[in-house]
Each structure stands twice: as C-alpha cells, then as structure tokens.
Amino acid sequence: GGAQLTGAGFTLGLPAGWAAVDPTRDTSDLVAGSFGIKEGPN
C-alpha cells in the first residue's frame, strides 16, 4: 500500500498510509497546515 519517492540522488519507500504531496501546488488546509504555510508570520 506504500508509495515511493524518487529524486535526483535518492529513493525513499513510504510506509502504507503515506502519500506524496506537493505543498507548492496543493492548497488544501491539511497540506498547508502540515508544512506551516497556512498562516503566520513565516
């Protein structure tokens, strides 16, 4: 049930229940809140 992230120089197998996201494009409250970009001074 897991997914895999593959980038230049690394590979990472995710545990089941984890999914890749792109916080630079995903504007959902959950993604924005998880990565600290929903609100606040930073």
All heavy atoms as atom14 arrays in JSON, in Angstrom:
{
  "sequence": "GGAQLTGAGFTLGLPAGWAAVDPTRDTSDLVAGSFGIKEGPN",
  "atom14_mask": [
    [1, 1, 1, 1, 0, 0, 0, 0, 0, 0, 0, 0, 0, 0],
    [1, 1, 1, 1, 0, 0, 0, 0, 0, 0, 0, 0, 0, 0],
    [1, 1, 1, 1, 1, 0, 0, 0, 0, 0, 0, 0, 0, 0],
    [1, 1, 1, 1, 1, 1, 1, 1, 1, 0, 0, 0, 0, 0],
    [1, 1, 1, 1, 1, 1, 1, 1, 0, 0, 0, 0, 0, 0],
    [1, 1, 1, 1, 1, 1, 1, 0, 0, 0, 0, 0, 0, 0],
    [1, 1, 1, 1, 0, 0, 0, 0, 0, 0, 0, 0, 0, 0],
    [1, 1, 1, 1, 1, 0, 0, 0, 0, 0, 0, 0, 0, 0],
    [1, 1, 1, 1, 0, 0, 0, 0, 0, 0, 0, 0, 0, 0],
    [1, 1, 1, 1, 1, 1, 1, 1, 1, 1, 1, 0, 0, 0],
    [1, 1, 1, 1, 1, 1, 1, 0, 0, 0, 0, 0, 0, 0],
    [1, 1, 1, 1, 1, 1, 1, 1, 0, 0, 0, 0, 0, 0],
    [1, 1, 1, 1, 0, 0, 0, 0, 0, 0, 0, 0, 0, 0],
    [1, 1, 1, 1, 1, 1, 1, 1, 0, 0, 0, 0, 0, 0],
    [1, 1, 1, 1, 1, 1, 1, 0, 0, 0, 0, 0, 0, 0],
    [1, 1, 1, 1, 1, 0, 0, 0, 0, 0, 0, 0, 0, 0],
    [1, 1, 1, 1, 0, 0, 0, 0, 0, 0, 0, 0, 0, 0],
    [1, 1, 1, 1, 1, 1, 1, 1, 1, 1, 1, 1, 1, 1],
    [1, 1, 1, 1, 1, 0, 0, 0, 0, 0, 0, 0, 0, 0],
    [1, 1, 1, 1, 1, 0, 0, 0, 0, 0, 0, 0, 0, 0],
    [1, 1, 1, 1, 1, 1, 1, 0, 0, 0, 0, 0, 0, 0],
    [1, 1, 1, 1, 1, 1, 1, 1, 0, 0, 0, 0, 0, 0],
    [1, 1, 1, 1, 1, 1, 1, 0, 0, 0, 0, 0, 0, 0],
    [1, 1, 1, 1, 1, 1, 1, 0, 0, 0, 0, 0, 0, 0],
    [1, 1, 1, 1, 1, 1, 1, 1, 1, 1, 1, 0, 0, 0],
    [1, 1, 1, 1, 1, 1, 1, 1, 0, 0, 0, 0, 0, 0],
    [1, 1, 1, 1, 1, 1, 1, 0, 0, 0, 0, 0, 0, 0],
    [1, 1, 1, 1, 1, 1, 0, 0, 0, 0, 0, 0, 0, 0],
    [1, 1, 1, 1, 1, 1, 1, 1, 0, 0, 0, 0, 0, 0],
    [1, 1, 1, 1, 1, 1, 1, 1, 0, 0, 0, 0, 0, 0],
    [1, 1, 1, 1, 1, 1, 1, 0, 0, 0, 0, 0, 0, 0],
    [1, 1, 1, 1, 1, 0, 0, 0, 0, 0, 0, 0, 0, 0],
    [1, 1, 1, 1, 0, 0, 0, 0, 0, 0, 0, 0, 0, 0],
    [1, 1, 1, 1, 1, 1, 0, 0, 0, 0, 0, 0, 0, 0],
    [1, 1, 1, 1, 1, 1, 1, 1, 1, 1, 1, 0, 0, 0],
    [1, 1, 1, 1, 0, 0, 0, 0, 0, 0, 0, 0, 0, 0],
    [1, 1, 1, 1, 1, 1, 1, 1, 0, 0, 0, 0, 0, 0],
    [1, 1, 1, 1, 1, 1, 1, 1, 1, 0, 0, 0, 0, 0],
    [1, 1, 1, 1, 1, 1, 1, 1, 1, 0, 0, 0, 0, 0],
    [1, 1, 1, 1, 0, 0, 0, 0, 0, 0, 0, 0, 0, 0],
    [1, 1, 1, 1, 1, 1, 1, 0, 0, 0, 0, 0, 0, 0],
    [1, 1, 1, 1, 1, 1, 1, 1, 0, 0, 0, 0, 0, 0]
  ],
  "atom14_positions": [
    [[0.8, -1.21, 0.0], [0.0, 0.0, 0.0], [0.84, 1.26, 0.0], [0.31, 2.35, -0.11], [0.0, 0.0, 0.0], [0.0, 0.0, 0.0], [0.0, 0.0, 0.0], [0.0, 0.0, 0.0], [0.0, 0.0, 0.0], [0.0, 0.0, 0.0], [0.0, 0.0, 0.0], [0.0, 0.0, 0.0], [0.0, 0.0, 0.0], [0.0, 0.0, 0.0]],
    [[2.16, 1.12, 0.15], [3.02, 2.28, 0.22], [3.38, 2.8, -1.17], [3.18, 2.14, -2.18], [0.0, 0.0, 0.0], [0.0, 0.0, 0.0], [0.0, 0.0, 0.0], [0.0, 0.0, 0.0], [0.0, 0.0, 0.0], [0.0, 0.0, 0.0], [0.0, 0.0, 0.0], [0.0, 0.0, 0.0], [0.0, 0.0, 0.0], [0.0, 0.0, 0.0]],
    [[3.93, 3.99, -1.2], [4.36, 4.61, -2.45], [5.87, 4.8, -2.39], [6.5, 4.49, -1.38], [3.65, 5.94, -2.66], [0.0, 0.0, 0.0], [0.0, 0.0, 0.0], [0.0, 0.0, 0.0], [0.0, 0.0, 0.0], [0.0, 0.0, 0.0], [0.0, 0.0, 0.0], [0.0, 0.0, 0.0], [0.0, 0.0, 0.0], [0.0, 0.0, 0.0]],
    [[6.44, 5.31, -3.44], [7.89, 5.53, -3.48], [8.18, 6.91, -4.04], [7.61, 7.33, -5.04], [8.54, 4.46, -4.35], [10.05, 4.56, -4.43], [10.68, 3.33, -5.04], [10.76, 2.28, -4.41], [11.11, 3.45, -6.28], [0.0, 0.0, 0.0], [0.0, 0.0, 0.0], [0.0, 0.0, 0.0], [0.0, 0.0, 0.0], [0.0, 0.0, 0.0]],
    [[9.07, 7.63, -3.35], [9.56, 8.91, -3.84], [10.92, 8.67, -4.48], [11.78, 8.02, -3.89], [9.71, 9.92, -2.7], [8.48, 10.26, -1.87], [8.85, 11.3, -0.81], [7.35, 10.76, -2.74], [0.0, 0.0, 0.0], [0.0, 0.0, 0.0], [0.0, 0.0, 0.0], [0.0, 0.0, 0.0], [0.0, 0.0, 0.0], [0.0, 0.0, 0.0]],
    [[11.11, 9.18, -5.67], [12.39, 9.04, -6.35], [12.82, 10.4, -6.87], [12.09, 11.05, -7.62], [12.3, 8.06, -7.53], [11.88, 6.78, -7.05], [13.65, 7.92, -8.21], [0.0, 0.0, 0.0], [0.0, 0.0, 0.0], [0.0, 0.0, 0.0], [0.0, 0.0, 0.0], [0.0, 0.0, 0.0], [0.0, 0.0, 0.0], [0.0, 0.0, 0.0]],
    [[13.98, 10.84, -6.44], [14.52, 12.12, -6.88], [15.94, 11.97, -7.34], [16.5, 10.87, -7.35], [0.0, 0.0, 0.0], [0.0, 0.0, 0.0], [0.0, 0.0, 0.0], [0.0, 0.0, 0.0], [0.0, 0.0, 0.0], [0.0, 0.0, 0.0], [0.0, 0.0, 0.0], [0.0, 0.0, 0.0], [0.0, 0.0, 0.0], [0.0, 0.0, 0.0]],
    [[16.55, 13.07, -7.73], [17.93, 13.05, -8.19], [18.84, 12.7, -7.02], [19.06, 13.51, -6.12], [18.31, 14.4, -8.77], [0.0, 0.0, 0.0], [0.0, 0.0, 0.0], [0.0, 0.0, 0.0], [0.0, 0.0, 0.0], [0.0, 0.0, 0.0], [0.0, 0.0, 0.0], [0.0, 0.0, 0.0], [0.0, 0.0, 0.0], [0.0, 0.0, 0.0]],
    [[19.33, 11.47, -6.99], [20.27, 11.05, -5.96], [19.67, 10.26, -4.81], [20.41, 9.79, -3.95], [0.0, 0.0, 0.0], [0.0, 0.0, 0.0], [0.0, 0.0, 0.0], [0.0, 0.0, 0.0], [0.0, 0.0, 0.0], [0.0, 0.0, 0.0], [0.0, 0.0, 0.0], [0.0, 0.0, 0.0], [0.0, 0.0, 0.0], [0.0, 0.0, 0.0]],
    [[18.34, 10.1, -4.75], [17.76, 9.35, -3.63], [16.49, 8.62, -4.04], [15.82, 8.96, -5.01], [17.44, 10.28, -2.47], [16.19, 11.11, -2.69], [14.95, 10.67, -2.24], [16.25, 12.32, -3.36], [13.81, 11.42, -2.45], [15.11, 13.08, -3.57], [13.87, 12.64, -3.12], [0.0, 0.0, 0.0], [0.0, 0.0, 0.0], [0.0, 0.0, 0.0]],
    [[16.16, 7.59, -3.25], [14.89, 6.88, -3.37], [14.39, 6.62, -1.96], [15.16, 6.25, -1.08], [15.06, 5.54, -4.11], [15.55, 5.79, -5.42], [13.73, 4.8, -4.2], [0.0, 0.0, 0.0], [0.0, 0.0, 0.0], [0.0, 0.0, 0.0], [0.0, 0.0, 0.0], [0.0, 0.0, 0.0], [0.0, 0.0, 0.0], [0.0, 0.0, 0.0]],
    [[13.09, 6.79, -1.75], [12.5, 6.58, -0.43], [11.18, 5.84, -0.57], [10.25, 6.33, -1.21], [12.27, 7.92, 0.28], [11.57, 7.86, 1.63], [12.42, 7.09, 2.64], [11.29, 9.27, 2.15], [0.0, 0.0, 0.0], [0.0, 0.0, 0.0], [0.0, 0.0, 0.0], [0.0, 0.0, 0.0], [0.0, 0.0, 0.0], [0.0, 0.0, 0.0]],
    [[11.11, 4.66, 0.03], [9.86, 3.91, 0.06], [9.03, 4.36, 1.25], [9.52, 4.38, 2.38], [0.0, 0.0, 0.0], [0.0, 0.0, 0.0], [0.0, 0.0, 0.0], [0.0, 0.0, 0.0], [0.0, 0.0, 0.0], [0.0, 0.0, 0.0], [0.0, 0.0, 0.0], [0.0, 0.0, 0.0], [0.0, 0.0, 0.0], [0.0, 0.0, 0.0]],
    [[7.79, 4.74, 1.03], [6.92, 5.24, 2.09], [6.14, 4.1, 2.75], [5.71, 3.17, 2.07], [5.94, 6.26, 1.53], [6.53, 7.49, 0.87], [5.42, 8.34, 0.25], [7.32, 8.31, 1.87], [0.0, 0.0, 0.0], [0.0, 0.0, 0.0], [0.0, 0.0, 0.0], [0.0, 0.0, 0.0], [0.0, 0.0, 0.0], [0.0, 0.0, 0.0]],
    [[5.91, 4.19, 4.06], [5.07, 3.2, 4.72], [3.64, 3.28, 4.2], [3.23, 4.3, 3.63], [5.13, 3.62, 6.2], [6.37, 4.45, 6.32], [6.48, 5.17, 5.0], [0.0, 0.0, 0.0], [0.0, 0.0, 0.0], [0.0, 0.0, 0.0], [0.0, 0.0, 0.0], [0.0, 0.0, 0.0], [0.0, 0.0, 0.0], [0.0, 0.0, 0.0]],
    [[2.88, 2.23, 4.4], [1.48, 2.25, 3.99], [0.76, 3.4, 4.69], [1.01, 3.7, 5.85], [0.81, 0.92, 4.36], [0.0, 0.0, 0.0], [0.0, 0.0, 0.0], [0.0, 0.0, 0.0], [0.0, 0.0, 0.0], [0.0, 0.0, 0.0], [0.0, 0.0, 0.0], [0.0, 0.0, 0.0], [0.0, 0.0, 0.0], [0.0, 0.0, 0.0]],
    [[-0.11, 4.06, 3.96], [-0.86, 5.18, 4.54], [-0.25, 6.53, 4.23], [-0.89, 7.56, 4.48], [0.0, 0.0, 0.0], [0.0, 0.0, 0.0], [0.0, 0.0, 0.0], [0.0, 0.0, 0.0], [0.0, 0.0, 0.0], [0.0, 0.0, 0.0], [0.0, 0.0, 0.0], [0.0, 0.0, 0.0], [0.0, 0.0, 0.0], [0.0, 0.0, 0.0]],
    [[0.97, 6.53, 3.72], [1.62, 7.79, 3.35], [1.45, 8.02, 1.85], [1.45, 7.07, 1.06], [3.11, 7.76, 3.69], [3.39, 7.93, 5.15], [3.12, 7.04, 6.15], [4.01, 9.06, 5.77], [3.52, 7.54, 7.35], [4.07, 8.78, 7.16], [4.52, 10.27, 5.3], [4.63, 9.67, 8.06], [5.07, 11.16, 6.2], [5.12, 10.86, 7.57]],
    [[1.35, 9.28, 1.45], [1.2, 9.6, 0.04], [2.0, 10.86, -0.29], [2.12, 11.77, 0.54], [-0.28, 9.82, -0.31], [0.0, 0.0, 0.0], [0.0, 0.0, 0.0], [0.0, 0.0, 0.0], [0.0, 0.0, 0.0], [0.0, 0.0, 0.0], [0.0, 0.0, 0.0], [0.0, 0.0, 0.0], [0.0, 0.0, 0.0], [0.0, 0.0, 0.0]],
    [[2.53, 10.91, -1.49], [3.27, 12.07, -1.94], [2.34, 13.27, -2.1], [1.18, 13.12, -2.52], [3.96, 11.77, -3.26], [0.0, 0.0, 0.0], [0.0, 0.0, 0.0], [0.0, 0.0, 0.0], [0.0, 0.0, 0.0], [0.0, 0.0, 0.0], [0.0, 0.0, 0.0], [0.0, 0.0, 0.0], [0.0, 0.0, 0.0], [0.0, 0.0, 0.0]],
    [[2.82, 14.44, -1.75], [2.08, 15.69, -1.94], [3.05, 16.75, -2.45], [4.26, 16.59, -2.37], [1.42, 16.19, -0.63], [0.35, 15.22, -0.15], [2.48, 16.43, 0.46], [0.0, 0.0, 0.0], [0.0, 0.0, 0.0], [0.0, 0.0, 0.0], [0.0, 0.0, 0.0], [0.0, 0.0, 0.0], [0.0, 0.0, 0.0], [0.0, 0.0, 0.0]],
    [[2.49, 17.82, -2.97], [3.31, 18.95, -3.43], [2.77, 20.22, -2.78], [1.81, 20.81, -3.26], [3.24, 19.08, -4.95], [4.13, 20.19, -5.48], [4.67, 20.97, -4.68], [4.27, 20.28, -6.73], [0.0, 0.0, 0.0], [0.0, 0.0, 0.0], [0.0, 0.0, 0.0], [0.0, 0.0, 0.0], [0.0, 0.0, 0.0], [0.0, 0.0, 0.0]],
    [[3.37, 20.64, -1.66], [2.86, 21.82, -0.95], [3.03, 23.12, -1.71], [2.47, 24.14, -1.31], [3.68, 21.82, 0.35], [4.93, 21.08, 0.01], [4.51, 20.02, -0.97], [0.0, 0.0, 0.0], [0.0, 0.0, 0.0], [0.0, 0.0, 0.0], [0.0, 0.0, 0.0], [0.0, 0.0, 0.0], [0.0, 0.0, 0.0], [0.0, 0.0, 0.0]],
    [[3.77, 23.11, -2.83], [3.87, 24.32, -3.63], [2.67, 24.49, -4.54], [2.46, 25.57, -5.12], [5.15, 24.32, -4.5], [5.04, 23.33, -5.53], [6.38, 24.06, -3.66], [0.0, 0.0, 0.0], [0.0, 0.0, 0.0], [0.0, 0.0, 0.0], [0.0, 0.0, 0.0], [0.0, 0.0, 0.0], [0.0, 0.0, 0.0], [0.0, 0.0, 0.0]],
    [[1.85, 23.42, -4.67], [0.68, 23.46, -5.54], [-0.61, 23.1, -4.8], [-1.68, 23.6, -5.16], [0.87, 22.5, -6.72], [2.04, 22.84, -7.62], [2.23, 21.8, -8.71], [1.08, 21.71, -9.57], [0.88, 22.47, -10.66], [1.79, 23.38, -10.99], [-0.19, 22.33, -11.4], [0.0, 0.0, 0.0], [0.0, 0.0, 0.0], [0.0, 0.0, 0.0]],
    [[-0.52, 22.23, -3.81], [-1.7, 21.78, -3.07], [-2.08, 22.84, -2.04], [-1.31, 23.13, -1.13], [-1.38, 20.46, -2.37], [-2.62, 19.78, -1.78], [-3.54, 20.5, -1.36], [-2.63, 18.54, -1.73], [0.0, 0.0, 0.0], [0.0, 0.0, 0.0], [0.0, 0.0, 0.0], [0.0, 0.0, 0.0], [0.0, 0.0, 0.0], [0.0, 0.0, 0.0]],
    [[-3.26, 23.41, -2.18], [-3.69, 24.49, -1.29], [-4.66, 24.02, -0.21], [-5.26, 24.84, 0.48], [-4.37, 25.62, -2.1], [-5.5, 25.08, -2.81], [-3.39, 26.22, -3.11], [0.0, 0.0, 0.0], [0.0, 0.0, 0.0], [0.0, 0.0, 0.0], [0.0, 0.0, 0.0], [0.0, 0.0, 0.0], [0.0, 0.0, 0.0], [0.0, 0.0, 0.0]],
    [[-4.82, 22.72, -0.03], [-5.73, 22.21, 0.99], [-5.25, 22.61, 2.38], [-4.05, 22.8, 2.62], [-5.83, 20.68, 0.9], [-4.59, 20.08, 1.24], [0.0, 0.0, 0.0], [0.0, 0.0, 0.0], [0.0, 0.0, 0.0], [0.0, 0.0, 0.0], [0.0, 0.0, 0.0], [0.0, 0.0, 0.0], [0.0, 0.0, 0.0], [0.0, 0.0, 0.0]],
    [[-6.19, 22.71, 3.32], [-5.84, 23.09, 4.69], [-4.87, 22.1, 5.32], [-3.96, 22.49, 6.06], [-7.1, 23.19, 5.55], [-7.92, 24.44, 5.26], [-7.4, 25.34, 4.56], [-9.07, 24.52, 5.73], [0.0, 0.0, 0.0], [0.0, 0.0, 0.0], [0.0, 0.0, 0.0], [0.0, 0.0, 0.0], [0.0, 0.0, 0.0], [0.0, 0.0, 0.0]],
    [[-5.06, 20.8, 5.03], [-4.22, 19.79, 5.65], [-2.77, 19.91, 5.19], [-1.84, 19.87, 6.01], [-4.74, 18.39, 5.35], [-3.96, 17.24, 6.01], [-3.93, 17.4, 7.52], [-4.57, 15.89, 5.62], [0.0, 0.0, 0.0], [0.0, 0.0, 0.0], [0.0, 0.0, 0.0], [0.0, 0.0, 0.0], [0.0, 0.0, 0.0], [0.0, 0.0, 0.0]],
    [[-2.56, 20.05, 3.91], [-1.19, 20.17, 3.39], [-0.56, 21.49, 3.83], [0.58, 21.53, 4.31], [-1.16, 20.05, 1.85], [0.22, 20.39, 1.31], [-1.56, 18.63, 1.44], [0.0, 0.0, 0.0], [0.0, 0.0, 0.0], [0.0, 0.0, 0.0], [0.0, 0.0, 0.0], [0.0, 0.0, 0.0], [0.0, 0.0, 0.0], [0.0, 0.0, 0.0]],
    [[-1.31, 22.58, 3.72], [-0.78, 23.89, 4.13], [-0.48, 23.91, 5.62], [0.55, 24.44, 6.05], [-1.78, 24.99, 3.77], [0.0, 0.0, 0.0], [0.0, 0.0, 0.0], [0.0, 0.0, 0.0], [0.0, 0.0, 0.0], [0.0, 0.0, 0.0], [0.0, 0.0, 0.0], [0.0, 0.0, 0.0], [0.0, 0.0, 0.0], [0.0, 0.0, 0.0]],
    [[-1.36, 23.33, 6.42], [-1.13, 23.3, 7.86], [0.03, 22.41, 8.25], [0.81, 22.73, 9.15], [0.0, 0.0, 0.0], [0.0, 0.0, 0.0], [0.0, 0.0, 0.0], [0.0, 0.0, 0.0], [0.0, 0.0, 0.0], [0.0, 0.0, 0.0], [0.0, 0.0, 0.0], [0.0, 0.0, 0.0], [0.0, 0.0, 0.0], [0.0, 0.0, 0.0]],
    [[0.18, 21.3, 7.57], [1.27, 20.36, 7.88], [2.64, 20.96, 7.61], [3.61, 20.69, 8.33], [1.1, 19.07, 7.08], [-0.1, 18.41, 7.43], [0.0, 0.0, 0.0], [0.0, 0.0, 0.0], [0.0, 0.0, 0.0], [0.0, 0.0, 0.0], [0.0, 0.0, 0.0], [0.0, 0.0, 0.0], [0.0, 0.0, 0.0], [0.0, 0.0, 0.0]],
    [[2.73, 21.78, 6.57], [4.03, 22.36, 6.21], [4.17, 23.82, 6.63], [5.11, 24.51, 6.21], [4.27, 22.19, 4.71], [4.48, 20.76, 4.3], [3.42, 19.99, 3.83], [5.72, 20.16, 4.45], [3.59, 18.66, 3.49], [5.91, 18.82, 4.12], [4.84, 18.07, 3.63], [0.0, 0.0, 0.0], [0.0, 0.0, 0.0], [0.0, 0.0, 0.0]],
    [[3.26, 24.3, 7.46], [3.4, 25.62, 8.07], [3.17, 26.8, 7.17], [3.6, 27.91, 7.47], [0.0, 0.0, 0.0], [0.0, 0.0, 0.0], [0.0, 0.0, 0.0], [0.0, 0.0, 0.0], [0.0, 0.0, 0.0], [0.0, 0.0, 0.0], [0.0, 0.0, 0.0], [0.0, 0.0, 0.0], [0.0, 0.0, 0.0], [0.0, 0.0, 0.0]],
    [[2.46, 26.59, 6.05], [2.28, 27.69, 5.1], [0.83, 28.17, 5.05], [0.46, 28.95, 4.17], [2.74, 27.29, 3.69], [1.99, 26.04, 3.19], [4.24, 27.05, 3.68], [2.31, 25.69, 1.75], [0.0, 0.0, 0.0], [0.0, 0.0, 0.0], [0.0, 0.0, 0.0], [0.0, 0.0, 0.0], [0.0, 0.0, 0.0], [0.0, 0.0, 0.0]],
    [[0.02, 27.73, 6.0], [-1.38, 28.14, 6.0], [-1.52, 29.59, 6.46], [-2.28, 30.37, 5.9], [-2.19, 27.21, 6.91], [-3.67, 27.51, 6.93], [-4.41, 26.5, 7.8], [-5.91, 26.78, 7.83], [-6.64, 25.81, 8.68], [0.0, 0.0, 0.0], [0.0, 0.0, 0.0], [0.0, 0.0, 0.0], [0.0, 0.0, 0.0], [0.0, 0.0, 0.0]],
    [[-0.79, 29.95, 7.5], [-0.87, 31.3, 8.04], [0.32, 31.53, 8.96], [1.13, 30.63, 9.18], [-2.18, 31.49, 8.83], [-2.37, 30.47, 9.94], [-3.75, 30.53, 10.54], [-4.65, 31.15, 9.95], [-3.92, 29.94, 11.63], [0.0, 0.0, 0.0], [0.0, 0.0, 0.0], [0.0, 0.0, 0.0], [0.0, 0.0, 0.0], [0.0, 0.0, 0.0]],
    [[0.44, 32.73, 9.51], [1.52, 33.01, 10.43], [2.6, 33.88, 9.81], [2.66, 34.05, 8.59], [0.0, 0.0, 0.0], [0.0, 0.0, 0.0], [0.0, 0.0, 0.0], [0.0, 0.0, 0.0], [0.0, 0.0, 0.0], [0.0, 0.0, 0.0], [0.0, 0.0, 0.0], [0.0, 0.0, 0.0], [0.0, 0.0, 0.0], [0.0, 0.0, 0.0]],
    [[3.49, 34.44, 10.66], [4.5, 35.39, 10.2], [5.53, 34.8, 9.25], [6.16, 35.52, 8.49], [5.15, 35.87, 11.5], [4.93, 34.74, 12.47], [3.57, 34.2, 12.13], [0.0, 0.0, 0.0], [0.0, 0.0, 0.0], [0.0, 0.0, 0.0], [0.0, 0.0, 0.0], [0.0, 0.0, 0.0], [0.0, 0.0, 0.0], [0.0, 0.0, 0.0]],
    [[5.72, 33.47, 9.29], [6.74, 32.85, 8.45], [6.17, 32.19, 7.2], [6.92, 31.59, 6.42], [7.52, 31.79, 9.25], [8.33, 32.4, 10.36], [8.99, 33.41, 10.17], [8.27, 31.81, 11.54], [0.0, 0.0, 0.0], [0.0, 0.0, 0.0], [0.0, 0.0, 0.0], [0.0, 0.0, 0.0], [0.0, 0.0, 0.0], [0.0, 0.0, 0.0]]
  ]
}
